[in-house]
Amino acid sequence: KTVFRGTNNLASVKTTLDYFGDESINGPESFLGKLESQGITIFPPRAQFRDKENKSFNGGFITQTYGATSKRGIDAIQLEFGASYRSKSTLSGTAQKIAIALQSHSARYLVKR
């Protein structure tokens, strides 16, 4: 019952971190913070947010190709959802939680001020 964060150990979110600081990735109003506040378990947990990610789920191709370190320079987070978040009985609830987290993060960090 875990969601693995994949950011190539934060390299693919460097632009956001540089511009807004740690709170933008780790804070309570961040995408990951909002997921966690809704009961979703994130690895690495927010309390150890600078710890290395699981090697099997650290973003790989997606974040290296599309993340902040690529020529495109767009921040990218890859999420690997455990089976308990993807089952028929939980998928709709998981999708709603993702939508809430994206809306909150977007309003705070992506909308031009």
Protein backbone atom coordinates (compact mmCIF):
# COMPACT_ATOMS: atom_id res chain seq x y z
CA LYS A 1 0.00 0.00 0.00
CA THR A 2 2.59 2.48 -1.20
CA VAL A 3 3.11 5.01 -3.98
CA PHE A 4 6.73 5.24 -5.06
CA ARG A 5 7.91 8.73 -6.03
CA GLY A 6 10.14 8.77 -9.08
CA THR A 7 12.06 11.98 -9.68
CA ASN A 8 15.50 10.56 -10.46
CA ASN A 9 16.32 11.42 -6.84
CA LEU A 10 14.85 14.94 -7.20
CA ALA A 11 16.80 15.79 -10.38
CA SER A 12 13.64 15.90 -12.52
CA VAL A 13 12.00 18.51 -10.26
CA LYS A 14 15.05 20.77 -9.96
CA THR A 15 13.38 23.77 -11.59
CA THR A 16 10.50 23.73 -9.10
CA LEU A 17 12.87 23.19 -6.16
CA ASP A 18 15.13 26.04 -7.30
CA TYR A 19 12.23 28.44 -7.81
CA PHE A 20 9.94 27.57 -4.88
CA GLY A 21 12.12 25.59 -2.46
CA ASP A 22 11.60 22.29 -0.71
CA GLU A 23 8.00 23.14 0.23
CA SER A 24 6.98 22.87 -3.42
CA ILE A 25 7.77 19.16 -3.49
CA ASN A 26 7.60 18.25 0.18
CA GLY A 27 5.29 20.78 1.84
CA PRO A 28 1.71 20.21 2.95
CA GLU A 29 0.32 22.08 -0.09
CA SER A 30 2.56 20.28 -2.59
CA PHE A 31 1.28 17.49 -4.82
CA LEU A 32 2.90 14.82 -2.66
CA GLY A 33 1.83 16.56 0.55
CA LYS A 34 -1.79 16.60 -0.58
CA LEU A 35 -1.65 12.92 -1.53
CA GLU A 36 -0.20 12.07 1.87
CA SER A 37 -2.79 14.18 3.72
CA GLN A 38 -5.49 12.10 2.02
CA GLY A 39 -4.05 8.87 3.39
CA ILE A 40 -1.79 7.82 0.53
CA THR A 41 1.56 6.42 1.66
CA ILE A 42 4.48 7.93 -0.27
CA PHE A 43 8.01 6.52 -0.51
CA PRO A 44 10.31 8.05 0.37
CA PRO A 45 8.08 9.58 3.02
CA ARG A 46 7.90 13.36 3.26
CA ALA A 47 9.82 13.31 6.56
CA GLN A 48 12.77 11.78 4.66
CA PHE A 49 12.08 13.54 1.38
CA ARG A 50 15.76 13.91 0.40
CA ASP A 51 16.42 10.18 0.89
CA LYS A 52 17.21 8.11 -2.19
CA GLU A 53 14.21 6.74 -4.07
CA ASN A 54 13.65 3.03 -4.64
CA LYS A 55 15.99 2.09 -7.52
CA SER A 56 13.24 0.16 -9.29
CA PHE A 57 10.85 3.12 -9.25
CA ASN A 58 13.01 6.25 -9.36
CA GLY A 59 11.60 7.69 -12.56
CA GLY A 60 13.91 6.17 -15.12
CA PHE A 61 13.04 6.93 -18.72
CA ILE A 62 10.06 9.23 -18.08
CA THR A 63 11.78 11.67 -15.74
CA GLN A 64 15.13 11.53 -17.53
CA THR A 65 13.51 12.22 -20.90
CA TYR A 66 10.93 14.81 -19.82
CA GLY A 67 12.19 16.08 -16.47
CA ALA A 68 14.00 19.27 -15.53
CA THR A 69 17.40 17.91 -16.55
CA SER A 70 16.27 17.22 -20.12
CA LYS A 71 16.39 19.70 -23.00
CA ARG A 72 12.65 20.19 -22.54
CA GLY A 73 13.23 21.39 -18.98
CA ILE A 74 9.75 20.54 -17.72
CA ASP A 75 9.61 19.10 -14.23
CA ALA A 76 8.35 15.53 -14.06
CA ILE A 77 7.31 13.14 -11.31
CA GLN A 78 6.62 9.51 -12.04
CA LEU A 79 4.40 7.67 -9.58
CA GLU A 80 4.21 3.90 -9.22
CA PHE A 81 0.98 2.96 -7.44
CA GLY A 82 0.77 -0.22 -5.40
CA ALA A 83 -1.99 -2.70 -6.26
CA SER A 84 -4.21 -1.60 -3.39
CA TYR A 85 -4.58 1.83 -5.02
CA ARG A 86 -5.35 0.33 -8.45
CA SER A 87 -8.00 -2.27 -7.65
CA LYS A 88 -11.51 -1.91 -9.07
CA SER A 89 -12.87 -1.02 -5.65
CA THR A 90 -10.30 1.72 -4.94
CA LEU A 91 -9.36 3.14 -8.35
CA SER A 92 -12.05 5.84 -8.42
CA GLY A 93 -11.09 7.06 -4.96
CA THR A 94 -7.42 7.08 -5.89
CA ALA A 95 -8.17 9.11 -9.02
CA GLN A 96 -10.15 11.64 -6.97
CA LYS A 97 -7.26 12.02 -4.53
CA ILE A 98 -4.83 12.57 -7.40
CA ALA A 99 -7.14 15.23 -8.90
CA ILE A 100 -7.38 17.06 -5.57
CA ALA A 101 -3.60 16.96 -5.14
CA LEU A 102 -2.96 18.20 -8.69
CA GLN A 103 -5.46 21.03 -8.33
CA SER A 104 -3.92 22.19 -5.07
CA HIS A 105 -0.36 21.98 -6.36
CA SER A 106 -1.24 23.68 -9.65
CA ALA A 107 -3.03 26.57 -7.96
CA ARG A 108 -0.09 27.18 -5.66
CA TYR A 109 2.91 26.51 -7.89
CA LEU A 110 1.92 26.49 -11.57
CA VAL A 111 -0.61 29.28 -12.07
CA LYS A 112 1.04 32.52 -13.09
CA ARG A 113 0.89 35.02 -10.27
